[in-house]
Amino acid sequence: MTELLRVSRVAKWLDVTKKRVYHLIQEGKLEAVRLGPRQMRIPRDSLEAYMQRLRKERQQELGVYEEEDLPKSPAVQRR
């Protein structure tokens, strides 16, 4: 089972406010588990997936790609 993180902890890791974390949950960018009327937790897997998506988007904006993301070049034939 994945670790469940408090909203305040996720906000610190992302360097945003708790309000922004709640918005990310409402937008469907982060998953959340409600434990009670005033208790919400974010699964670590959800946070890691969100951060990975952010990294990929940023790399695409900058034109930087990881090796596995690069298009395959055609094989060079030697004579």
PDB file of N, CA and C in Angstrom:
ATOM      1  N   MET A   1       0.833  -1.187   0.000  1.00  0.00           N
ATOM      2  CA  MET A   1       0.000   0.000   0.000  1.00  0.00           C
ATOM      3  C   MET A   1       0.875   1.247   0.000  1.00  0.00           C
ATOM      4  N   THR A   2       0.483   2.208  -0.769  1.00  0.00           N
ATOM      5  CA  THR A   2       1.263   3.435  -0.890  1.00  0.00           C
ATOM      6  C   THR A   2       1.087   4.333   0.337  1.00  0.00           C
ATOM      7  N   GLU A   3       2.087   5.117   0.596  1.00  0.00           N
ATOM      8  CA  GLU A   3       2.045   6.060   1.723  1.00  0.00           C
ATOM      9  C   GLU A   3       1.052   7.177   1.416  1.00  0.00           C
ATOM     10  N   LEU A   4       0.293   7.586   2.411  1.00  0.00           N
ATOM     11  CA  LEU A   4      -0.659   8.688   2.259  1.00  0.00           C
ATOM     12  C   LEU A   4      -0.066   9.942   2.892  1.00  0.00           C
ATOM     13  N   LEU A   5      -0.051  11.029   2.131  1.00  0.00           N
ATOM     14  CA  LEU A   5       0.591  12.273   2.567  1.00  0.00           C
ATOM     15  C   LEU A   5      -0.446  13.347   2.876  1.00  0.00           C
ATOM     16  N   ARG A   6      -0.161  14.141   3.886  1.00  0.00           N
ATOM     17  CA  ARG A   6      -1.032  15.260   4.246  1.00  0.00           C
ATOM     18  C   ARG A   6      -0.918  16.360   3.190  1.00  0.00           C
ATOM     19  N   VAL A   7      -1.976  17.121   3.047  1.00  0.00           N
ATOM     20  CA  VAL A   7      -1.994  18.222   2.085  1.00  0.00           C
ATOM     21  C   VAL A   7      -0.870  19.207   2.384  1.00  0.00           C
ATOM     22  N   SER A   8      -0.639  19.503   3.633  1.00  0.00           N
ATOM     23  CA  SER A   8       0.409  20.466   4.002  1.00  0.00           C
ATOM     24  C   SER A   8       1.796  19.972   3.581  1.00  0.00           C
ATOM     25  N   ARG A   9       2.032  18.675   3.700  1.00  0.00           N
ATOM     26  CA  ARG A   9       3.332  18.114   3.316  1.00  0.00           C
ATOM     27  C   ARG A   9       3.528  18.185   1.799  1.00  0.00           C
ATOM     28  N   VAL A  10       2.463  17.874   1.047  1.00  0.00           N
ATOM     29  CA  VAL A  10       2.528  17.950  -0.414  1.00  0.00           C
ATOM     30  C   VAL A  10       2.775  19.396  -0.831  1.00  0.00           C
ATOM     31  N   ALA A  11       2.115  20.341  -0.165  1.00  0.00           N
ATOM     32  CA  ALA A  11       2.301  21.759  -0.477  1.00  0.00           C
ATOM     33  C   ALA A  11       3.753  22.178  -0.267  1.00  0.00           C
ATOM     34  N   LYS A  12       4.366  21.699   0.804  1.00  0.00           N
ATOM     35  CA  LYS A  12       5.776  22.026   1.049  1.00  0.00           C
ATOM     36  C   LYS A  12       6.673  21.445  -0.037  1.00  0.00           C
ATOM     37  N   TRP A  13       6.431  20.188  -0.416  1.00  0.00           N
ATOM     38  CA  TRP A  13       7.259  19.541  -1.438  1.00  0.00           C
ATOM     39  C   TRP A  13       7.143  20.234  -2.787  1.00  0.00           C
ATOM     40  N   LEU A  14       5.925  20.711  -3.114  1.00  0.00           N
ATOM     41  CA  LEU A  14       5.720  21.388  -4.398  1.00  0.00           C
ATOM     42  C   LEU A  14       6.003  22.883  -4.311  1.00  0.00           C
ATOM     43  N   ASP A  15       6.245  23.384  -3.112  1.00  0.00           N
ATOM     44  CA  ASP A  15       6.486  24.801  -2.861  1.00  0.00           C
ATOM     45  C   ASP A  15       5.299  25.645  -3.331  1.00  0.00           C
ATOM     46  N   VAL A  16       4.109  25.210  -2.937  1.00  0.00           N
ATOM     47  CA  VAL A  16       2.873  25.923  -3.237  1.00  0.00           C
ATOM     48  C   VAL A  16       2.042  25.997  -1.957  1.00  0.00           C
ATOM     49  N   THR A  17       0.928  26.687  -2.038  1.00  0.00           N
ATOM     50  CA  THR A  17       0.045  26.773  -0.868  1.00  0.00           C
ATOM     51  C   THR A  17      -0.839  25.527  -0.780  1.00  0.00           C
ATOM     52  N   LYS A  18      -1.422  25.330   0.400  1.00  0.00           N
ATOM     53  CA  LYS A  18      -2.374  24.229   0.561  1.00  0.00           C
ATOM     54  C   LYS A  18      -3.572  24.446  -0.357  1.00  0.00           C
ATOM     55  N   LYS A  19      -3.967  25.691  -0.532  1.00  0.00           N
ATOM     56  CA  LYS A  19      -5.094  26.002  -1.410  1.00  0.00           C
ATOM     57  C   LYS A  19      -4.811  25.521  -2.838  1.00  0.00           C
ATOM     58  N   ARG A  20      -3.565  25.705  -3.302  1.00  0.00           N
ATOM     59  CA  ARG A  20      -3.200  25.251  -4.651  1.00  0.00           C
ATOM     60  C   ARG A  20      -3.280  23.726  -4.748  1.00  0.00           C
ATOM     61  N   VAL A  21      -2.879  23.019  -3.695  1.00  0.00           N
ATOM     62  CA  VAL A  21      -2.974  21.552  -3.680  1.00  0.00           C
ATOM     63  C   VAL A  21      -4.433  21.138  -3.806  1.00  0.00           C
ATOM     64  N   TYR A  22      -5.323  21.812  -3.084  1.00  0.00           N
ATOM     65  CA  TYR A  22      -6.750  21.499  -3.187  1.00  0.00           C
ATOM     66  C   TYR A  22      -7.261  21.751  -4.614  1.00  0.00           C
ATOM     67  N   HIS A  23      -6.758  22.812  -5.249  1.00  0.00           N
ATOM     68  CA  HIS A  23      -7.145  23.080  -6.638  1.00  0.00           C
ATOM     69  C   HIS A  23      -6.650  21.971  -7.574  1.00  0.00           C
ATOM     70  N   LEU A  24      -5.442  21.492  -7.350  1.00  0.00           N
ATOM     71  CA  LEU A  24      -4.905  20.398  -8.175  1.00  0.00           C
ATOM     72  C   LEU A  24      -5.761  19.142  -8.016  1.00  0.00           C
ATOM     73  N   ILE A  25      -6.266  18.924  -6.816  1.00  0.00           N
ATOM     74  CA  ILE A  25      -7.147  17.778  -6.568  1.00  0.00           C
ATOM     75  C   ILE A  25      -8.465  17.981  -7.324  1.00  0.00           C
ATOM     76  N   GLN A  26      -9.038  19.186  -7.228  1.00  0.00           N
ATOM     77  CA  GLN A  26     -10.303  19.472  -7.924  1.00  0.00           C
ATOM     78  C   GLN A  26     -10.143  19.360  -9.441  1.00  0.00           C
ATOM     79  N   GLU A  27      -8.984  19.746  -9.960  1.00  0.00           N
ATOM     80  CA  GLU A  27      -8.726  19.692 -11.397  1.00  0.00           C
ATOM     81  C   GLU A  27      -8.436  18.273 -11.878  1.00  0.00           C
ATOM     82  N   GLY A  28      -8.287  17.339 -10.931  1.00  0.00           N
ATOM     83  CA  GLY A  28      -8.010  15.955 -11.290  1.00  0.00           C
ATOM     84  C   GLY A  28      -6.541  15.680 -11.569  1.00  0.00           C
ATOM     85  N   LYS A  29      -5.676  16.612 -11.232  1.00  0.00           N
ATOM     86  CA  LYS A  29      -4.241  16.435 -11.467  1.00  0.00           C
ATOM     87  C   LYS A  29      -3.575  15.646 -10.353  1.00  0.00           C
ATOM     88  N   LEU A  30      -4.191  15.639  -9.186  1.00  0.00           N
ATOM     89  CA  LEU A  30      -3.736  14.840  -8.042  1.00  0.00           C
ATOM     90  C   LEU A  30      -4.915  14.034  -7.531  1.00  0.00           C
ATOM     91  N   GLU A  31      -4.644  12.797  -7.163  1.00  0.00           N
ATOM     92  CA  GLU A  31      -5.675  11.968  -6.532  1.00  0.00           C
ATOM     93  C   GLU A  31      -5.673  12.255  -5.036  1.00  0.00           C
ATOM     94  N   ALA A  32      -6.816  12.062  -4.417  1.00  0.00           N
ATOM     95  CA  ALA A  32      -6.905  12.264  -2.973  1.00  0.00           C
ATOM     96  C   ALA A  32      -7.855  11.241  -2.373  1.00  0.00           C
ATOM     97  N   VAL A  33      -7.620  10.951  -1.101  1.00  0.00           N
ATOM     98  CA  VAL A  33      -8.453  10.028  -0.347  1.00  0.00           C
ATOM     99  C   VAL A  33      -9.018  10.816   0.825  1.00  0.00           C
ATOM    100  N   ARG A  34     -10.318  10.825   0.954  1.00  0.00           N
ATOM    101  CA  ARG A  34     -10.945  11.507   2.084  1.00  0.00           C
ATOM    102  C   ARG A  34     -11.090  10.505   3.226  1.00  0.00           C
ATOM    103  N   LEU A  35     -10.506  10.844   4.377  1.00  0.00           N
ATOM    104  CA  LEU A  35     -10.555   9.972   5.547  1.00  0.00           C
ATOM    105  C   LEU A  35     -11.667  10.362   6.504  1.00  0.00           C
ATOM    106  N   GLY A  36     -12.185  11.529   6.341  1.00  0.00           N
ATOM    107  CA  GLY A  36     -13.251  12.030   7.205  1.00  0.00           C
ATOM    108  C   GLY A  36     -13.707  13.364   6.663  1.00  0.00           C
ATOM    109  N   PRO A  37     -14.610  14.022   7.366  1.00  0.00           N
ATOM    110  CA  PRO A  37     -15.134  15.286   6.851  1.00  0.00           C
ATOM    111  C   PRO A  37     -14.068  16.374   6.686  1.00  0.00           C
ATOM    112  N   ARG A  38     -13.015  16.304   7.466  1.00  0.00           N
ATOM    113  CA  ARG A  38     -11.969  17.338   7.388  1.00  0.00           C
ATOM    114  C   ARG A  38     -10.571  16.747   7.205  1.00  0.00           C
ATOM    115  N   GLN A  39     -10.493  15.523   6.751  1.00  0.00           N
ATOM    116  CA  GLN A  39      -9.198  14.876   6.572  1.00  0.00           C
ATOM    117  C   GLN A  39      -9.060  14.349   5.158  1.00  0.00           C
ATOM    118  N   MET A  40      -8.025  14.805   4.484  1.00  0.00           N
ATOM    119  CA  MET A  40      -7.765  14.368   3.123  1.00  0.00           C
ATOM    120  C   MET A  40      -6.284  14.016   3.013  1.00  0.00           C
ATOM    121  N   ARG A  41      -5.984  12.958   2.258  1.00  0.00           N
ATOM    122  CA  ARG A  41      -4.600  12.538   2.047  1.00  0.00           C
ATOM    123  C   ARG A  41      -4.361  12.305   0.561  1.00  0.00           C
ATOM    124  N   ILE A  42      -3.118  12.504   0.161  1.00  0.00           N
ATOM    125  CA  ILE A  42      -2.714  12.288  -1.229  1.00  0.00           C
ATOM    126  C   ILE A  42      -1.780  11.081  -1.262  1.00  0.00           C
ATOM    127  N   PRO A  43      -2.103  10.070  -2.070  1.00  0.00           N
ATOM    128  CA  PRO A  43      -1.203   8.921  -2.187  1.00  0.00           C
ATOM    129  C   PRO A  43       0.142   9.364  -2.796  1.00  0.00           C
ATOM    130  N   ARG A  44       1.230   8.848  -2.252  1.00  0.00           N
ATOM    131  CA  ARG A  44       2.560   9.200  -2.743  1.00  0.00           C
ATOM    132  C   ARG A  44       2.682   8.917  -4.248  1.00  0.00           C
ATOM    133  N   ASP A  45       2.093   7.806  -4.702  1.00  0.00           N
ATOM    134  CA  ASP A  45       2.148   7.451  -6.122  1.00  0.00           C
ATOM    135  C   ASP A  45       1.534   8.548  -6.991  1.00  0.00           C
ATOM    136  N   SER A  46       0.446   9.141  -6.523  1.00  0.00           N
ATOM    137  CA  SER A  46      -0.210  10.208  -7.263  1.00  0.00           C
ATOM    138  C   SER A  46       0.691  11.438  -7.358  1.00  0.00           C
ATOM    139  N   LEU A  47       1.339  11.778  -6.253  1.00  0.00           N
ATOM    140  CA  LEU A  47       2.257  12.921  -6.245  1.00  0.00           C
ATOM    141  C   LEU A  47       3.433  12.673  -7.181  1.00  0.00           C
ATOM    142  N   GLU A  48       4.017  11.477  -7.135  1.00  0.00           N
ATOM    143  CA  GLU A  48       5.154  11.160  -7.993  1.00  0.00           C
ATOM    144  C   GLU A  48       4.769  11.196  -9.472  1.00  0.00           C
ATOM    145  N   ALA A  49       3.570  10.688  -9.797  1.00  0.00           N
ATOM    146  CA  ALA A  49       3.101  10.714 -11.187  1.00  0.00           C
ATOM    147  C   ALA A  49       2.896  12.159 -11.656  1.00  0.00           C
ATOM    148  N   TYR A  50       2.344  12.990 -10.795  1.00  0.00           N
ATOM    149  CA  TYR A  50       2.135  14.406 -11.129  1.00  0.00           C
ATOM    150  C   TYR A  50       3.475  15.098 -11.381  1.00  0.00           C
ATOM    151  N   MET A  51       4.448  14.850 -10.517  1.00  0.00           N
ATOM    152  CA  MET A  51       5.765  15.472 -10.679  1.00  0.00           C
ATOM    153  C   MET A  51       6.445  14.989 -11.959  1.00  0.00           C
ATOM    154  N   GLN A  52       6.276  13.723 -12.297  1.00  0.00           N
ATOM    155  CA  GLN A  52       6.851  13.183 -13.532  1.00  0.00           C
ATOM    156  C   GLN A  52       6.222  13.865 -14.753  1.00  0.00           C
ATOM    157  N   ARG A  53       4.901  14.062 -14.726  1.00  0.00           N
ATOM    158  CA  ARG A  53       4.227  14.756 -15.821  1.00  0.00           C
ATOM    159  C   ARG A  53       4.751  16.182 -15.964  1.00  0.00           C
ATOM    160  N   LEU A  54       4.954  16.863 -14.834  1.00  0.00           N
ATOM    161  CA  LEU A  54       5.489  18.225 -14.872  1.00  0.00           C
ATOM    162  C   LEU A  54       6.876  18.251 -15.501  1.00  0.00           C
ATOM    163  N   ARG A  55       7.734  17.277 -15.116  1.00  0.00           N
ATOM    164  CA  ARG A  55       9.083  17.208 -15.682  1.00  0.00           C
ATOM    165  C   ARG A  55       9.034  17.022 -17.197  1.00  0.00           C
ATOM    166  N   LYS A  56       8.195  16.095 -17.664  1.00  0.00           N
ATOM    167  CA  LYS A  56       8.096  15.830 -19.102  1.00  0.00           C
ATOM    168  C   LYS A  56       7.588  17.047 -19.857  1.00  0.00           C
ATOM    169  N   GLU A  57       6.580  17.726 -19.309  1.00  0.00           N
ATOM    170  CA  GLU A  57       6.056  18.932 -19.946  1.00  0.00           C
ATOM    171  C   GLU A  57       7.134  19.998 -20.033  1.00  0.00           C
ATOM    172  N   ARG A  58       7.879  20.170 -18.968  1.00  0.00           N
ATOM    173  CA  ARG A  58       8.950  21.184 -18.937  1.00  0.00           C
ATOM    174  C   ARG A  58      10.045  20.835 -19.934  1.00  0.00           C
ATOM    175  N   GLN A  59      10.417  19.563 -20.026  1.00  0.00           N
ATOM    176  CA  GLN A  59      11.446  19.142 -20.973  1.00  0.00           C
ATOM    177  C   GLN A  59      10.987  19.400 -22.399  1.00  0.00           C
ATOM    178  N   GLN A  60       9.716  19.142 -22.686  1.00  0.00           N
ATOM    179  CA  GLN A  60       9.198  19.384 -24.030  1.00  0.00           C
ATOM    180  C   GLN A  60       9.221  20.869 -24.351  1.00  0.00           C
ATOM    181  N   GLU A  61       8.882  21.706 -23.378  1.00  0.00           N
ATOM    182  CA  GLU A  61       8.920  23.155 -23.584  1.00  0.00           C
ATOM    183  C   GLU A  61      10.337  23.618 -23.919  1.00  0.00           C
ATOM    184  N   LEU A  62      11.323  23.014 -23.258  1.00  0.00           N
ATOM    185  CA  LEU A  62      12.716  23.403 -23.454  1.00  0.00           C
ATOM    186  C   LEU A  62      13.377  22.679 -24.623  1.00  0.00           C
ATOM    187  N   GLY A  63      12.687  21.670 -25.163  1.00  0.00           N
ATOM    188  CA  GLY A  63      13.266  20.899 -26.259  1.00  0.00           C
ATOM    189  C   GLY A  63      14.315  19.905 -25.798  1.00  0.00           C
ATOM    190  N   VAL A  64      14.250  19.528 -24.531  1.00  0.00           N
ATOM    191  CA  VAL A  64      15.190  18.561 -23.961  1.00  0.00           C
ATOM    192  C   VAL A  64      14.443  17.251 -23.785  1.00  0.00           C
ATOM    193  N   TYR A  65      15.036  16.173 -24.267  1.00  0.00           N
ATOM    194  CA  TYR A  65      14.375  14.874 -24.179  1.00  0.00           C
ATOM    195  C   TYR A  65      15.299  13.859 -23.533  1.00  0.00           C
ATOM    196  N   GLU A  66      14.710  12.900 -22.867  1.00  0.00           N
ATOM    197  CA  GLU A  66      15.473  11.784 -22.328  1.00  0.00           C
ATOM    198  C   GLU A  66      15.699  10.799 -23.459  1.00  0.00           C
ATOM    199  N   GLU A  67      16.714   9.953 -23.343  1.00  0.00           N
ATOM    200  CA  GLU A  67      17.049   9.020 -24.418  1.00  0.00           C
ATOM    201  C   GLU A  67      15.869   8.171 -24.851  1.00  0.00           C
ATOM    202  N   GLU A  68      15.080   7.673 -23.892  1.00  0.00           N
ATOM    203  CA  GLU A  68      13.960   6.805 -24.252  1.00  0.00           C
ATOM    204  C   GLU A  68      12.860   7.567 -24.989  1.00  0.00           C
ATOM    205  N   ASP A  69      12.839   8.916 -24.869  1.00  0.00           N
ATOM    206  CA  ASP A  69      11.812   9.724 -25.529  1.00  0.00           C
ATOM    207  C   ASP A  69      12.232  10.177 -26.929  1.00  0.00           C
ATOM    208  N   LEU A  70      13.507  10.021 -27.260  1.00  0.00           N
ATOM    209  CA  LEU A  70      13.986  10.473 -28.560  1.00  0.00           C
ATOM    210  C   LEU A  70      13.432   9.602 -29.680  1.00  0.00           C
ATOM    211  N   PRO A  71      13.112  10.223 -30.821  1.00  0.00           N
ATOM    212  CA  PRO A  71      12.677   9.405 -31.956  1.00  0.00           C
ATOM    213  C   PRO A  71      13.822   8.523 -32.428  1.00  0.00           C
ATOM    214  N   LYS A  72      13.491   7.336 -32.877  1.00  0.00           N
ATOM    215  CA  LYS A  72      14.506   6.397 -33.355  1.00  0.00           C
ATOM    216  C   LYS A  72      15.002   6.856 -34.720  1.00  0.00           C
ATOM    217  N   SER A  73      16.311   6.936 -34.865  1.00  0.00           N
ATOM    218  CA  SER A  73      16.863   7.315 -36.166  1.00  0.00           C
ATOM    219  C   SER A  73      16.981   6.077 -37.034  1.00  0.00           C
ATOM    220  N   PRO A  74      16.797   6.256 -38.330  1.00  0.00           N
ATOM    221  CA  PRO A  74      16.913   5.094 -39.211  1.00  0.00           C
ATOM    222  C   PRO A  74      18.332   4.543 -39.176  1.00  0.00           C
ATOM    223  N   ALA A  75      18.429   3.246 -39.335  1.00  0.00           N
ATOM    224  CA  ALA A  75      19.750   2.601 -39.304  1.00  0.00           C
ATOM    225  C   ALA A  75      20.554   3.042 -40.522  1.00  0.00           C
ATOM    226  N   VAL A  76      21.821   3.322 -40.289  1.00  0.00           N
ATOM    227  CA  VAL A  76      22.707   3.729 -41.367  1.00  0.00           C
ATOM    228  C   VAL A  76      23.287   2.478 -41.996  1.00  0.00           C
ATOM    229  N   GLN A  77      23.169   2.397 -43.306  1.00  0.00           N
ATOM    230  CA  GLN A  77      23.695   1.226 -44.011  1.00  0.00           C
ATOM    231  C   GLN A  77      25.112   1.521 -44.471  1.00  0.00           C
ATOM    232  N   ARG A  78      25.999   0.591 -44.225  1.00  0.00           N
ATOM    233  CA  ARG A  78      27.396   0.739 -44.659  1.00  0.00           C
ATOM    234  C   ARG A  78      27.636  -0.175 -45.828  1.00  0.00           C
ATOM    235  N   ARG A  79      28.458   0.267 -46.726  1.00  0.00           N
ATOM    236  CA  ARG A  79      28.779  -0.548 -47.898  1.00  0.00           C
ATOM    237  C   ARG A  79      30.138  -1.148 -47.773  1.00  0.00           C
TER     238      ARG A  79
END
